[in-house]
Amino acid sequence: MPTNGLGGINICTGTDKITNLVTNISLYPNPATNEANITINALQNDVVTLEVVNALSQKVYSAIQPITAGQTVHSIPTAQLKQGVYTVIISKDNSSTSKILVINK
């Protein structure tokens, strides 16, 4: 198992594939109340998984999102979510990236 040379184990989230697919991700409005939009700028057509997790790492939203080369916008319903800080995770295969989303009621 690879280590960091200091006795710890390196853990890689595998961002290479998502970095090679997605050039930019924006999340707005942030803070959100009833809905948040995620804009994904991609280099090619593909499919990603979108997940929203709360501070307890519980999945509160999940969607399979086809994306097209160029810009894709996906709306995340937030009206039923409690006020707080959430993490939006965009993943493809074993790679992912994330954005912080604040819900303000």
PDB file of N, CA and C in Angstrom:
ATOM      1  N   MET A   1       0.850  -1.173   0.000  1.00  0.00           N
ATOM      2  CA  MET A   1       0.000   0.000   0.000  1.00  0.00           C
ATOM      3  C   MET A   1       0.901   1.243   0.000  1.00  0.00           C
ATOM      4  N   PRO A   2       0.671   2.220  -0.912  1.00  0.00           N
ATOM      5  CA  PRO A   2       1.540   3.395  -0.944  1.00  0.00           C
ATOM      6  C   PRO A   2       1.369   4.267   0.288  1.00  0.00           C
ATOM      7  N   THR A   3       2.490   4.803   0.754  1.00  0.00           N
ATOM      8  CA  THR A   3       2.436   5.711   1.899  1.00  0.00           C
ATOM      9  C   THR A   3       3.052   7.033   1.515  1.00  0.00           C
ATOM     10  N   ASN A   4       2.865   8.015   2.357  1.00  0.00           N
ATOM     11  CA  ASN A   4       3.401   9.342   2.079  1.00  0.00           C
ATOM     12  C   ASN A   4       4.818   9.528   2.597  1.00  0.00           C
ATOM     13  N   GLY A   5       5.462   8.455   3.093  1.00  0.00           N
ATOM     14  CA  GLY A   5       6.813   8.542   3.608  1.00  0.00           C
ATOM     15  C   GLY A   5       6.873   8.991   5.051  1.00  0.00           C
ATOM     16  N   LEU A   6       5.763   9.379   5.596  1.00  0.00           N
ATOM     17  CA  LEU A   6       5.714   9.821   6.986  1.00  0.00           C
ATOM     18  C   LEU A   6       4.911   8.862   7.841  1.00  0.00           C
ATOM     19  N   GLY A   7       4.686   7.659   7.325  1.00  0.00           N
ATOM     20  CA  GLY A   7       3.931   6.664   8.064  1.00  0.00           C
ATOM     21  C   GLY A   7       2.450   6.683   7.761  1.00  0.00           C
ATOM     22  N   GLY A   8       1.968   7.690   7.030  1.00  0.00           N
ATOM     23  CA  GLY A   8       0.556   7.778   6.684  1.00  0.00           C
ATOM     24  C   GLY A   8       0.284   7.136   5.341  1.00  0.00           C
ATOM     25  N   ILE A   9      -0.938   6.872   5.062  1.00  0.00           N
ATOM     26  CA  ILE A   9      -1.340   6.279   3.791  1.00  0.00           C
ATOM     27  C   ILE A   9      -1.889   7.370   2.897  1.00  0.00           C
ATOM     28  N   ASN A  10      -1.425   7.417   1.664  1.00  0.00           N
ATOM     29  CA  ASN A  10      -1.962   8.365   0.699  1.00  0.00           C
ATOM     30  C   ASN A  10      -3.313   7.882   0.217  1.00  0.00           C
ATOM     31  N   ILE A  11      -4.283   8.759   0.213  1.00  0.00           N
ATOM     32  CA  ILE A  11      -5.606   8.428  -0.300  1.00  0.00           C
ATOM     33  C   ILE A  11      -5.882   9.351  -1.468  1.00  0.00           C
ATOM     34  N   CYS A  12      -6.085   8.767  -2.636  1.00  0.00           N
ATOM     35  CA  CYS A  12      -6.335   9.554  -3.840  1.00  0.00           C
ATOM     36  C   CYS A  12      -7.802   9.435  -4.211  1.00  0.00           C
ATOM     37  N   THR A  13      -8.427  10.568  -4.452  1.00  0.00           N
ATOM     38  CA  THR A  13      -9.826  10.541  -4.855  1.00  0.00           C
ATOM     39  C   THR A  13      -9.975  10.355  -6.351  1.00  0.00           C
ATOM     40  N   GLY A  14      -8.870  10.343  -7.079  1.00  0.00           N
ATOM     41  CA  GLY A  14      -8.921  10.105  -8.520  1.00  0.00           C
ATOM     42  C   GLY A  14      -9.573  11.231  -9.283  1.00  0.00           C
ATOM     43  N   THR A  15      -9.020  12.419  -9.184  1.00  0.00           N
ATOM     44  CA  THR A  15      -9.622  13.558  -9.870  1.00  0.00           C
ATOM     45  C   THR A  15      -9.215  13.657 -11.334  1.00  0.00           C
ATOM     46  N   ASP A  16      -8.276  12.827 -11.806  1.00  0.00           N
ATOM     47  CA  ASP A  16      -7.791  12.938 -13.182  1.00  0.00           C
ATOM     48  C   ASP A  16      -8.896  12.810 -14.216  1.00  0.00           C
ATOM     49  N   LYS A  17      -9.755  11.811 -14.088  1.00  0.00           N
ATOM     50  CA  LYS A  17     -10.800  11.600 -15.085  1.00  0.00           C
ATOM     51  C   LYS A  17     -11.795  12.746 -15.112  1.00  0.00           C
ATOM     52  N   ILE A  18     -12.193  13.243 -13.954  1.00  0.00           N
ATOM     53  CA  ILE A  18     -13.162  14.343 -13.924  1.00  0.00           C
ATOM     54  C   ILE A  18     -12.500  15.625 -14.430  1.00  0.00           C
ATOM     55  N   THR A  19     -11.218  15.818 -14.145  1.00  0.00           N
ATOM     56  CA  THR A  19     -10.503  16.990 -14.635  1.00  0.00           C
ATOM     57  C   THR A  19     -10.374  16.950 -16.154  1.00  0.00           C
ATOM     58  N   ASN A  20     -10.191  15.776 -16.729  1.00  0.00           N
ATOM     59  CA  ASN A  20     -10.082  15.637 -18.173  1.00  0.00           C
ATOM     60  C   ASN A  20     -11.425  15.766 -18.871  1.00  0.00           C
ATOM     61  N   LEU A  21     -12.503  15.651 -18.139  1.00  0.00           N
ATOM     62  CA  LEU A  21     -13.851  15.732 -18.702  1.00  0.00           C
ATOM     63  C   LEU A  21     -14.470  17.108 -18.505  1.00  0.00           C
ATOM     64  N   VAL A  22     -14.305  17.675 -17.326  1.00  0.00           N
ATOM     65  CA  VAL A  22     -14.979  18.914 -16.944  1.00  0.00           C
ATOM     66  C   VAL A  22     -13.958  20.046 -16.845  1.00  0.00           C
ATOM     67  N   THR A  23     -14.260  21.181 -17.480  1.00  0.00           N
ATOM     68  CA  THR A  23     -13.345  22.321 -17.424  1.00  0.00           C
ATOM     69  C   THR A  23     -13.738  23.337 -16.365  1.00  0.00           C
ATOM     70  N   ASN A  24     -15.035  23.416 -16.044  1.00  0.00           N
ATOM     71  CA  ASN A  24     -15.482  24.388 -15.049  1.00  0.00           C
ATOM     72  C   ASN A  24     -16.824  23.949 -14.482  1.00  0.00           C
ATOM     73  N   ILE A  25     -17.001  24.193 -13.188  1.00  0.00           N
ATOM     74  CA  ILE A  25     -18.265  23.900 -12.514  1.00  0.00           C
ATOM     75  C   ILE A  25     -18.626  25.118 -11.674  1.00  0.00           C
ATOM     76  N   SER A  26     -19.862  25.585 -11.813  1.00  0.00           N
ATOM     77  CA  SER A  26     -20.313  26.682 -10.954  1.00  0.00           C
ATOM     78  C   SER A  26     -21.634  26.299 -10.308  1.00  0.00           C
ATOM     79  N   LEU A  27     -21.842  26.792  -9.109  1.00  0.00           N
ATOM     80  CA  LEU A  27     -23.019  26.470  -8.310  1.00  0.00           C
ATOM     81  C   LEU A  27     -23.644  27.783  -7.859  1.00  0.00           C
ATOM     82  N   TYR A  28     -24.903  27.998  -8.211  1.00  0.00           N
ATOM     83  CA  TYR A  28     -25.561  29.269  -7.908  1.00  0.00           C
ATOM     84  C   TYR A  28     -27.064  29.071  -7.816  1.00  0.00           C
ATOM     85  N   PRO A  29     -27.831  29.895  -7.125  1.00  0.00           N
ATOM     86  CA  PRO A  29     -27.315  30.864  -6.170  1.00  0.00           C
ATOM     87  C   PRO A  29     -26.729  30.144  -4.961  1.00  0.00           C
ATOM     88  N   ASN A  30     -25.825  30.776  -4.318  1.00  0.00           N
ATOM     89  CA  ASN A  30     -25.182  30.175  -3.158  1.00  0.00           C
ATOM     90  C   ASN A  30     -24.866  31.296  -2.174  1.00  0.00           C
ATOM     91  N   PRO A  31     -25.655  31.438  -1.126  1.00  0.00           N
ATOM     92  CA  PRO A  31     -26.604  30.479  -0.571  1.00  0.00           C
ATOM     93  C   PRO A  31     -27.896  30.378  -1.390  1.00  0.00           C
ATOM     94  N   ALA A  32     -28.503  29.198  -1.288  1.00  0.00           N
ATOM     95  CA  ALA A  32     -29.752  28.904  -1.999  1.00  0.00           C
ATOM     96  C   ALA A  32     -30.896  28.778  -1.005  1.00  0.00           C
ATOM     97  N   THR A  33     -32.121  28.904  -1.524  1.00  0.00           N
ATOM     98  CA  THR A  33     -33.314  28.725  -0.694  1.00  0.00           C
ATOM     99  C   THR A  33     -34.151  27.572  -1.235  1.00  0.00           C
ATOM    100  N   ASN A  34     -34.711  27.733  -2.428  1.00  0.00           N
ATOM    101  CA  ASN A  34     -35.606  26.724  -2.998  1.00  0.00           C
ATOM    102  C   ASN A  34     -34.971  25.862  -4.074  1.00  0.00           C
ATOM    103  N   GLU A  35     -33.925  26.388  -4.707  1.00  0.00           N
ATOM    104  CA  GLU A  35     -33.302  25.666  -5.815  1.00  0.00           C
ATOM    105  C   GLU A  35     -31.886  26.177  -6.013  1.00  0.00           C
ATOM    106  N   ALA A  36     -30.991  25.265  -6.358  1.00  0.00           N
ATOM    107  CA  ALA A  36     -29.627  25.636  -6.728  1.00  0.00           C
ATOM    108  C   ALA A  36     -29.365  25.080  -8.116  1.00  0.00           C
ATOM    109  N   ASN A  37     -28.608  25.797  -8.897  1.00  0.00           N
ATOM    110  CA  ASN A  37     -28.254  25.350 -10.238  1.00  0.00           C
ATOM    111  C   ASN A  37     -26.774  25.027 -10.285  1.00  0.00           C
ATOM    112  N   ILE A  38     -26.451  23.936 -10.932  1.00  0.00           N
ATOM    113  CA  ILE A  38     -25.058  23.591 -11.141  1.00  0.00           C
ATOM    114  C   ILE A  38     -24.805  23.609 -12.637  1.00  0.00           C
ATOM    115  N   THR A  39     -23.837  24.401 -13.044  1.00  0.00           N
ATOM    116  CA  THR A  39     -23.457  24.504 -14.451  1.00  0.00           C
ATOM    117  C   THR A  39     -22.148  23.753 -14.635  1.00  0.00           C
ATOM    118  N   ILE A  40     -22.158  22.825 -15.569  1.00  0.00           N
ATOM    119  CA  ILE A  40     -20.977  22.010 -15.847  1.00  0.00           C
ATOM    120  C   ILE A  40     -20.534  22.297 -17.278  1.00  0.00           C
ATOM    121  N   ASN A  41     -19.313  22.752 -17.429  1.00  0.00           N
ATOM    122  CA  ASN A  41     -18.712  22.941 -18.749  1.00  0.00           C
ATOM    123  C   ASN A  41     -17.842  21.716 -19.023  1.00  0.00           C
ATOM    124  N   ALA A  42     -18.186  20.969 -20.068  1.00  0.00           N
ATOM    125  CA  ALA A  42     -17.501  19.717 -20.357  1.00  0.00           C
ATOM    126  C   ALA A  42     -16.848  19.740 -21.726  1.00  0.00           C
ATOM    127  N   LEU A  43     -15.840  18.902 -21.871  1.00  0.00           N
ATOM    128  CA  LEU A  43     -15.123  18.787 -23.130  1.00  0.00           C
ATOM    129  C   LEU A  43     -15.807  17.840 -24.109  1.00  0.00           C
ATOM    130  N   GLN A  44     -16.645  16.949 -23.586  1.00  0.00           N
ATOM    131  CA  GLN A  44     -17.300  15.956 -24.436  1.00  0.00           C
ATOM    132  C   GLN A  44     -18.605  15.499 -23.802  1.00  0.00           C
ATOM    133  N   ASN A  45     -19.426  14.811 -24.568  1.00  0.00           N
ATOM    134  CA  ASN A  45     -20.663  14.235 -24.044  1.00  0.00           C
ATOM    135  C   ASN A  45     -20.311  13.082 -23.113  1.00  0.00           C
ATOM    136  N   ASP A  46     -21.018  12.995 -22.012  1.00  0.00           N
ATOM    137  CA  ASP A  46     -20.781  11.915 -21.049  1.00  0.00           C
ATOM    138  C   ASP A  46     -21.916  11.908 -20.042  1.00  0.00           C
ATOM    139  N   VAL A  47     -21.777  11.149 -18.993  1.00  0.00           N
ATOM    140  CA  VAL A  47     -22.752  11.079 -17.907  1.00  0.00           C
ATOM    141  C   VAL A  47     -21.994  11.159 -16.593  1.00  0.00           C
ATOM    142  N   VAL A  48     -22.491  12.010 -15.679  1.00  0.00           N
ATOM    143  CA  VAL A  48     -21.896  12.127 -14.353  1.00  0.00           C
ATOM    144  C   VAL A  48     -22.967  11.866 -13.305  1.00  0.00           C
ATOM    145  N   THR A  49     -22.539  11.610 -12.097  1.00  0.00           N
ATOM    146  CA  THR A  49     -23.449  11.469 -10.965  1.00  0.00           C
ATOM    147  C   THR A  49     -23.332  12.711 -10.100  1.00  0.00           C
ATOM    148  N   LEU A  50     -24.479  13.275  -9.750  1.00  0.00           N
ATOM    149  CA  LEU A  50     -24.520  14.424  -8.840  1.00  0.00           C
ATOM    150  C   LEU A  50     -25.103  13.951  -7.519  1.00  0.00           C
ATOM    151  N   GLU A  51     -24.431  14.273  -6.430  1.00  0.00           N
ATOM    152  CA  GLU A  51     -24.931  13.928  -5.103  1.00  0.00           C
ATOM    153  C   GLU A  51     -24.800  15.136  -4.190  1.00  0.00           C
ATOM    154  N   VAL A  52     -25.747  15.276  -3.290  1.00  0.00           N
ATOM    155  CA  VAL A  52     -25.678  16.297  -2.259  1.00  0.00           C
ATOM    156  C   VAL A  52     -25.665  15.557  -0.930  1.00  0.00           C
ATOM    157  N   VAL A  53     -24.672  15.853  -0.106  1.00  0.00           N
ATOM    158  CA  VAL A  53     -24.571  15.219   1.208  1.00  0.00           C
ATOM    159  C   VAL A  53     -24.560  16.298   2.280  1.00  0.00           C
ATOM    160  N   ASN A  54     -25.150  15.956   3.423  1.00  0.00           N
ATOM    161  CA  ASN A  54     -25.209  16.905   4.535  1.00  0.00           C
ATOM    162  C   ASN A  54     -23.948  16.804   5.388  1.00  0.00           C
ATOM    163  N   ALA A  55     -23.906  17.546   6.479  1.00  0.00           N
ATOM    164  CA  ALA A  55     -22.735  17.573   7.353  1.00  0.00           C
ATOM    165  C   ALA A  55     -22.463  16.240   8.036  1.00  0.00           C
ATOM    166  N   LEU A  56     -23.469  15.356   8.058  1.00  0.00           N
ATOM    167  CA  LEU A  56     -23.303  14.018   8.643  1.00  0.00           C
ATOM    168  C   LEU A  56     -22.951  12.982   7.584  1.00  0.00           C
ATOM    169  N   SER A  57     -22.618  13.451   6.377  1.00  0.00           N
ATOM    170  CA  SER A  57     -22.283  12.601   5.223  1.00  0.00           C
ATOM    171  C   SER A  57     -23.451  11.739   4.753  1.00  0.00           C
ATOM    172  N   GLN A  58     -24.670  12.181   5.036  1.00  0.00           N
ATOM    173  CA  GLN A  58     -25.862  11.480   4.569  1.00  0.00           C
ATOM    174  C   GLN A  58     -26.264  12.037   3.210  1.00  0.00           C
ATOM    175  N   LYS A  59     -26.503  11.140   2.253  1.00  0.00           N
ATOM    176  CA  LYS A  59     -26.918  11.565   0.926  1.00  0.00           C
ATOM    177  C   LYS A  59     -28.354  12.053   0.984  1.00  0.00           C
ATOM    178  N   VAL A  60     -28.587  13.308   0.583  1.00  0.00           N
ATOM    179  CA  VAL A  60     -29.926  13.884   0.619  1.00  0.00           C
ATOM    180  C   VAL A  60     -30.483  14.112  -0.791  1.00  0.00           C
ATOM    181  N   TYR A  61     -29.631  13.946  -1.808  1.00  0.00           N
ATOM    182  CA  TYR A  61     -30.064  14.110  -3.201  1.00  0.00           C
ATOM    183  C   TYR A  61     -29.070  13.386  -4.089  1.00  0.00           C
ATOM    184  N   SER A  62     -29.594  12.761  -5.138  1.00  0.00           N
ATOM    185  CA  SER A  62     -28.732  12.076  -6.096  1.00  0.00           C
ATOM    186  C   SER A  62     -29.397  12.097  -7.463  1.00  0.00           C
ATOM    187  N   ALA A  63     -28.589  12.272  -8.506  1.00  0.00           N
ATOM    188  CA  ALA A  63     -29.115  12.267  -9.872  1.00  0.00           C
ATOM    189  C   ALA A  63     -28.028  11.805 -10.827  1.00  0.00           C
ATOM    190  N   ILE A  64     -28.440  11.072 -11.838  1.00  0.00           N
ATOM    191  CA  ILE A  64     -27.564  10.724 -12.953  1.00  0.00           C
ATOM    192  C   ILE A  64     -27.797  11.813 -13.998  1.00  0.00           C
ATOM    193  N   GLN A  65     -26.742  12.530 -14.387  1.00  0.00           N
ATOM    194  CA  GLN A  65     -26.894  13.680 -15.271  1.00  0.00           C
ATOM    195  C   GLN A  65     -26.099  13.505 -16.562  1.00  0.00           C
ATOM    196  N   PRO A  66     -26.802  13.378 -17.689  1.00  0.00           N
ATOM    197  CA  PRO A  66     -26.087  13.426 -18.969  1.00  0.00           C
ATOM    198  C   PRO A  66     -25.547  14.847 -19.171  1.00  0.00           C
ATOM    199  N   ILE A  67     -24.315  14.951 -19.610  1.00  0.00           N
ATOM    200  CA  ILE A  67     -23.747  16.253 -19.916  1.00  0.00           C
ATOM    201  C   ILE A  67     -23.328  16.267 -21.377  1.00  0.00           C
ATOM    202  N   THR A  68     -23.364  17.448 -21.957  1.00  0.00           N
ATOM    203  CA  THR A  68     -22.982  17.597 -23.354  1.00  0.00           C
ATOM    204  C   THR A  68     -21.706  18.429 -23.447  1.00  0.00           C
ATOM    205  N   ALA A  69     -21.007  18.259 -24.549  1.00  0.00           N
ATOM    206  CA  ALA A  69     -19.835  19.096 -24.785  1.00  0.00           C
ATOM    207  C   ALA A  69     -20.300  20.540 -24.778  1.00  0.00           C
ATOM    208  N   GLY A  70     -19.653  21.347 -24.007  1.00  0.00           N
ATOM    209  CA  GLY A  70     -20.111  22.717 -23.805  1.00  0.00           C
ATOM    210  C   GLY A  70     -20.707  22.836 -22.422  1.00  0.00           C
ATOM    211  N   GLN A  71     -21.862  23.456 -22.324  1.00  0.00           N
ATOM    212  CA  GLN A  71     -22.456  23.764 -21.024  1.00  0.00           C
ATOM    213  C   GLN A  71     -23.742  22.995 -20.770  1.00  0.00           C
ATOM    214  N   THR A  72     -23.841  22.413 -19.582  1.00  0.00           N
ATOM    215  CA  THR A  72     -25.047  21.737 -19.120  1.00  0.00           C
ATOM    216  C   THR A  72     -25.440  22.349 -17.774  1.00  0.00           C
ATOM    217  N   VAL A  73     -26.735  22.653 -17.605  1.00  0.00           N
ATOM    218  CA  VAL A  73     -27.229  23.188 -16.339  1.00  0.00           C
ATOM    219  C   VAL A  73     -28.197  22.182 -15.732  1.00  0.00           C
ATOM    220  N   HIS A  74     -28.013  21.874 -14.461  1.00  0.00           N
ATOM    221  CA  HIS A  74     -28.896  20.960 -13.735  1.00  0.00           C
ATOM    222  C   HIS A  74     -29.410  21.686 -12.502  1.00  0.00           C
ATOM    223  N   SER A  75     -30.717  21.618 -12.260  1.00  0.00           N
ATOM    224  CA  SER A  75     -31.322  22.235 -11.076  1.00  0.00           C
ATOM    225  C   SER A  75     -31.411  21.223  -9.944  1.00  0.00           C
ATOM    226  N   ILE A  76     -30.999  21.644  -8.779  1.00  0.00           N
ATOM    227  CA  ILE A  76     -31.065  20.809  -7.579  1.00  0.00           C
ATOM    228  C   ILE A  76     -32.146  21.394  -6.686  1.00  0.00           C
ATOM    229  N   PRO A  77     -33.218  20.631  -6.418  1.00  0.00           N
ATOM    230  CA  PRO A  77     -34.261  21.153  -5.532  1.00  0.00           C
ATOM    231  C   PRO A  77     -33.751  21.211  -4.092  1.00  0.00           C
ATOM    232  N   THR A  78     -33.879  22.374  -3.474  1.00  0.00           N
ATOM    233  CA  THR A  78     -33.380  22.542  -2.109  1.00  0.00           C
ATOM    234  C   THR A  78     -34.465  22.967  -1.122  1.00  0.00           C
ATOM    235  N   ALA A  79     -35.684  23.132  -1.596  1.00  0.00           N
ATOM    236  CA  ALA A  79     -36.768  23.618  -0.728  1.00  0.00           C
ATOM    237  C   ALA A  79     -37.003  22.702   0.468  1.00  0.00           C
ATOM    238  N   GLN A  80     -36.833  21.393   0.296  1.00  0.00           N
ATOM    239  CA  GLN A  80     -37.093  20.446   1.385  1.00  0.00           C
ATOM    240  C   GLN A  80     -35.884  20.230   2.291  1.00  0.00           C
ATOM    241  N   LEU A  81     -34.744  20.823   1.936  1.00  0.00           N
ATOM    242  CA  LEU A  81     -33.544  20.651   2.759  1.00  0.00           C
ATOM    243  C   LEU A  81     -33.532  21.666   3.896  1.00  0.00           C
ATOM    244  N   LYS A  82     -32.991  21.252   5.013  1.00  0.00           N
ATOM    245  CA  LYS A  82     -32.868  22.140   6.161  1.00  0.00           C
ATOM    246  C   LYS A  82     -31.743  23.138   5.928  1.00  0.00           C
ATOM    247  N   GLN A  83     -31.819  24.250   6.613  1.00  0.00           N
ATOM    248  CA  GLN A  83     -30.756  25.245   6.550  1.00  0.00           C
ATOM    249  C   GLN A  83     -29.451  24.608   7.000  1.00  0.00           C
ATOM    250  N   GLY A  84     -28.378  24.902   6.306  1.00  0.00           N
ATOM    251  CA  GLY A  84     -27.076  24.352   6.678  1.00  0.00           C
ATOM    252  C   GLY A  84     -26.109  24.321   5.519  1.00  0.00           C
ATOM    253  N   VAL A  85     -25.001  23.639   5.748  1.00  0.00           N
ATOM    254  CA  VAL A  85     -23.940  23.522   4.755  1.00  0.00           C
ATOM    255  C   VAL A  85     -23.945  22.106   4.196  1.00  0.00           C
ATOM    256  N   TYR A  86     -23.917  22.008   2.871  1.00  0.00           N
ATOM    257  CA  TYR A  86     -23.956  20.732   2.165  1.00  0.00           C
ATOM    258  C   TYR A  86     -22.780  20.655   1.194  1.00  0.00           C
ATOM    259  N   THR A  87     -22.438  19.454   0.793  1.00  0.00           N
ATOM    260  CA  THR A  87     -21.408  19.241  -0.213  1.00  0.00           C
ATOM    261  C   THR A  87     -22.062  18.645  -1.449  1.00  0.00           C
ATOM    262  N   VAL A  88     -21.825  19.278  -2.598  1.00  0.00           N
ATOM    263  CA  VAL A  88     -22.305  18.761  -3.880  1.00  0.00           C
ATOM    264  C   VAL A  88     -21.126  18.046  -4.514  1.00  0.00           C
ATOM    265  N   ILE A  89     -21.314  16.757  -4.814  1.00  0.00           N
ATOM    266  CA  ILE A  89     -20.246  15.932  -5.370  1.00  0.00           C
ATOM    267  C   ILE A  89     -20.599  15.573  -6.805  1.00  0.00           C
ATOM    268  N   ILE A  90     -19.690  15.850  -7.720  1.00  0.00           N
ATOM    269  CA  ILE A  90     -19.850  15.493  -9.124  1.00  0.00           C
ATOM    270  C   ILE A  90     -18.845  14.384  -9.386  1.00  0.00           C
ATOM    271  N   SER A  91     -19.328  13.217  -9.827  1.00  0.00           N
ATOM    272  CA  SER A  91     -18.415  12.093  -9.983  1.00  0.00           C
ATOM    273  C   SER A  91     -18.622  11.367 -11.306  1.00  0.00           C
ATOM    274  N   LYS A  92     -17.546  10.746 -11.746  1.00  0.00           N
ATOM    275  CA  LYS A  92     -17.524   9.923 -12.954  1.00  0.00           C
ATOM    276  C   LYS A  92     -16.572   8.780 -12.668  1.00  0.00           C
ATOM    277  N   ASP A  93     -17.080   7.551 -12.764  1.00  0.00           N
ATOM    278  CA  ASP A  93     -16.280   6.367 -12.441  1.00  0.00           C
ATOM    279  C   ASP A  93     -15.718   6.514 -11.028  1.00  0.00           C
ATOM    280  N   ASN A  94     -14.407   6.459 -10.869  1.00  0.00           N
ATOM    281  CA  ASN A  94     -13.806   6.550  -9.536  1.00  0.00           C
ATOM    282  C   ASN A  94     -13.196   7.913  -9.254  1.00  0.00           C
ATOM    283  N   SER A  95     -13.619   8.934  -9.981  1.00  0.00           N
ATOM    284  CA  SER A  95     -13.074  10.272  -9.750  1.00  0.00           C
ATOM    285  C   SER A  95     -14.207  11.228  -9.402  1.00  0.00           C
ATOM    286  N   SER A  96     -13.869  12.279  -8.663  1.00  0.00           N
ATOM    287  CA  SER A  96     -14.906  13.224  -8.257  1.00  0.00           C
ATOM    288  C   SER A  96     -14.302  14.581  -7.947  1.00  0.00           C
ATOM    289  N   THR A  97     -15.184  15.554  -7.911  1.00  0.00           N
ATOM    290  CA  THR A  97     -14.850  16.887  -7.431  1.00  0.00           C
ATOM    291  C   THR A  97     -16.059  17.381  -6.653  1.00  0.00           C
ATOM    292  N   SER A  98     -15.883  18.381  -5.837  1.00  0.00           N
ATOM    293  CA  SER A  98     -17.004  18.818  -5.004  1.00  0.00           C
ATOM    294  C   SER A  98     -17.055  20.340  -4.871  1.00  0.00           C
ATOM    295  N   LYS A  99     -18.232  20.809  -4.524  1.00  0.00           N
ATOM    296  CA  LYS A  99     -18.502  22.220  -4.260  1.00  0.00           C
ATOM    297  C   LYS A  99     -19.312  22.303  -2.974  1.00  0.00           C
ATOM    298  N   ILE A 100     -19.149  23.383  -2.239  1.00  0.00           N
ATOM    299  CA  ILE A 100     -19.910  23.618  -1.014  1.00  0.00           C
ATOM    300  C   ILE A 100     -21.181  24.404  -1.381  1.00  0.00           C
ATOM    301  N   LEU A 101     -22.315  23.967  -0.830  1.00  0.00           N
ATOM    302  CA  LEU A 101     -23.593  24.627  -1.029  1.00  0.00           C
ATOM    303  C   LEU A 101     -24.158  25.002   0.340  1.00  0.00           C
ATOM    304  N   VAL A 102     -24.560  26.245   0.480  1.00  0.00           N
ATOM    305  CA  VAL A 102     -25.165  26.721   1.725  1.00  0.00           C
ATOM    306  C   VAL A 102     -26.665  26.905   1.461  1.00  0.00           C
ATOM    307  N   ILE A 103     -27.494  26.327   2.342  1.00  0.00           N
ATOM    308  CA  ILE A 103     -28.939  26.504   2.287  1.00  0.00           C
ATOM    309  C   ILE A 103     -29.301  27.491   3.381  1.00  0.00           C
ATOM    310  N   ASN A 104     -29.979  28.553   2.994  1.00  0.00           N
ATOM    311  CA  ASN A 104     -30.344  29.600   3.941  1.00  0.00           C
ATOM    312  C   ASN A 104     -31.861  29.818   3.837  1.00  0.00           C
ATOM    313  N   LYS A 105     -32.593  29.584   4.905  1.00  0.00           N
ATOM    314  CA  LYS A 105     -34.051  29.699   4.912  1.00  0.00           C
ATOM    315  C   LYS A 105     -34.482  30.950   5.649  1.00  0.00           C
TER     316      LYS A 105
END
